[in-house]
Amino acid sequence: MDNRLNELEQYIEQLTELVFKRIMDRYGDIYPLKFPQDEEEILLSELARLSTILNILEEREDFEKCMVVKKRIENIETRLNSL
């Protein structure tokens, strides 16, 4: 099971890189628009991203991957509650 979780982690990282590359290709360099973010904003952004991924995985009934994403969401929620 650990091997499958590692594979899922790699898949999520590869997907993230692909999405970022496509955004950069389509809209150009976004770094000049970079605004300062505090930890809460970063965590909320990641929470939104993971919630979207979770919804997609639930629709596909890929419940094993859902468990991994749900765990990450819980970790972020814990960190947000401690701020």
Protein backbone atom coordinates (compact mmCIF):
# COMPACT_ATOMS: atom_id res chain seq x y z
CA MET A 1 0.00 0.00 0.00
CA ASP A 2 2.90 2.38 0.75
CA ASN A 3 4.14 1.90 -2.81
CA ARG A 4 0.74 2.89 -4.20
CA LEU A 5 0.66 5.96 -1.95
CA ASN A 6 4.09 6.97 -3.19
CA GLU A 7 2.92 6.48 -6.77
CA LEU A 8 -0.11 8.66 -6.03
CA GLU A 9 2.10 11.35 -4.53
CA GLN A 10 4.25 11.31 -7.66
CA TYR A 11 1.14 11.44 -9.86
CA ILE A 12 -0.19 14.48 -7.99
CA GLU A 13 3.18 16.24 -8.28
CA GLN A 14 3.38 15.50 -12.01
CA LEU A 15 -0.19 16.73 -12.48
CA THR A 16 0.61 19.93 -10.59
CA GLU A 17 3.65 20.57 -12.76
CA LEU A 18 1.66 19.94 -15.94
CA VAL A 19 -1.13 22.31 -14.90
CA PHE A 20 1.39 25.00 -13.96
CA LYS A 21 3.21 24.60 -17.28
CA ARG A 22 -0.03 24.91 -19.21
CA ILE A 23 -0.98 28.05 -17.31
CA MET A 24 2.44 29.54 -18.03
CA ASP A 25 2.17 28.60 -21.73
CA ARG A 26 -1.28 30.10 -22.03
CA TYR A 27 -0.98 33.26 -19.92
CA GLY A 28 2.75 33.91 -19.83
CA ASP A 29 4.89 34.75 -16.84
CA ILE A 30 2.65 35.36 -13.86
CA TYR A 31 5.41 36.22 -11.40
CA PRO A 32 5.16 40.00 -11.89
CA LEU A 33 1.66 39.62 -10.45
CA LYS A 34 2.99 37.90 -7.36
CA PHE A 35 1.42 39.30 -4.21
CA PRO A 36 2.76 38.69 -0.74
CA GLN A 37 0.91 35.87 0.96
CA ASP A 38 0.85 34.91 4.58
CA GLU A 39 0.70 31.31 5.78
CA GLU A 40 -3.10 31.35 6.07
CA GLU A 41 -3.56 32.42 2.44
CA ILE A 42 -1.17 29.73 1.24
CA LEU A 43 -2.95 27.05 3.27
CA LEU A 44 -6.37 28.21 2.06
CA SER A 45 -5.18 28.08 -1.55
CA GLU A 46 -3.88 24.55 -1.09
CA LEU A 47 -7.11 23.55 0.66
CA ALA A 48 -9.15 24.80 -2.31
CA ARG A 49 -6.91 22.96 -4.78
CA LEU A 50 -7.08 19.70 -2.87
CA SER A 51 -10.85 19.99 -2.42
CA THR A 52 -11.20 20.26 -6.18
CA ILE A 53 -8.99 17.21 -6.69
CA LEU A 54 -11.00 15.31 -4.07
CA ASN A 55 -14.26 16.08 -5.89
CA ILE A 56 -12.81 14.83 -9.17
CA LEU A 57 -11.54 11.63 -7.56
CA GLU A 58 -14.90 11.02 -5.86
CA GLU A 59 -16.69 11.39 -9.19
CA ARG A 60 -14.31 8.83 -10.67
CA GLU A 61 -14.90 6.60 -7.62
CA ASP A 62 -11.15 6.39 -7.05
CA PHE A 63 -11.51 6.04 -3.31
CA GLU A 64 -7.94 4.96 -2.57
CA LYS A 65 -6.63 8.24 -3.94
CA CYS A 66 -9.44 10.04 -2.12
CA MET A 67 -8.05 8.76 1.18
CA VAL A 68 -4.64 10.29 0.48
CA VAL A 69 -6.07 13.65 -0.56
CA LYS A 70 -8.50 13.66 2.38
CA LYS A 71 -5.58 13.11 4.78
CA ARG A 72 -3.76 16.10 3.29
CA ILE A 73 -6.93 18.19 3.65
CA GLU A 74 -7.22 17.18 7.30
CA ASN A 75 -3.59 18.17 7.91
CA ILE A 76 -4.18 21.59 6.38
CA GLU A 77 -7.36 22.09 8.38
CA THR A 78 -5.44 21.25 11.55
CA ARG A 79 -2.75 23.78 10.67
CA LEU A 80 -5.37 26.43 9.89
CA ASN A 81 -7.12 25.82 13.22
CA SER A 82 -3.83 26.30 15.06
CA LEU A 83 -3.20 29.75 13.52
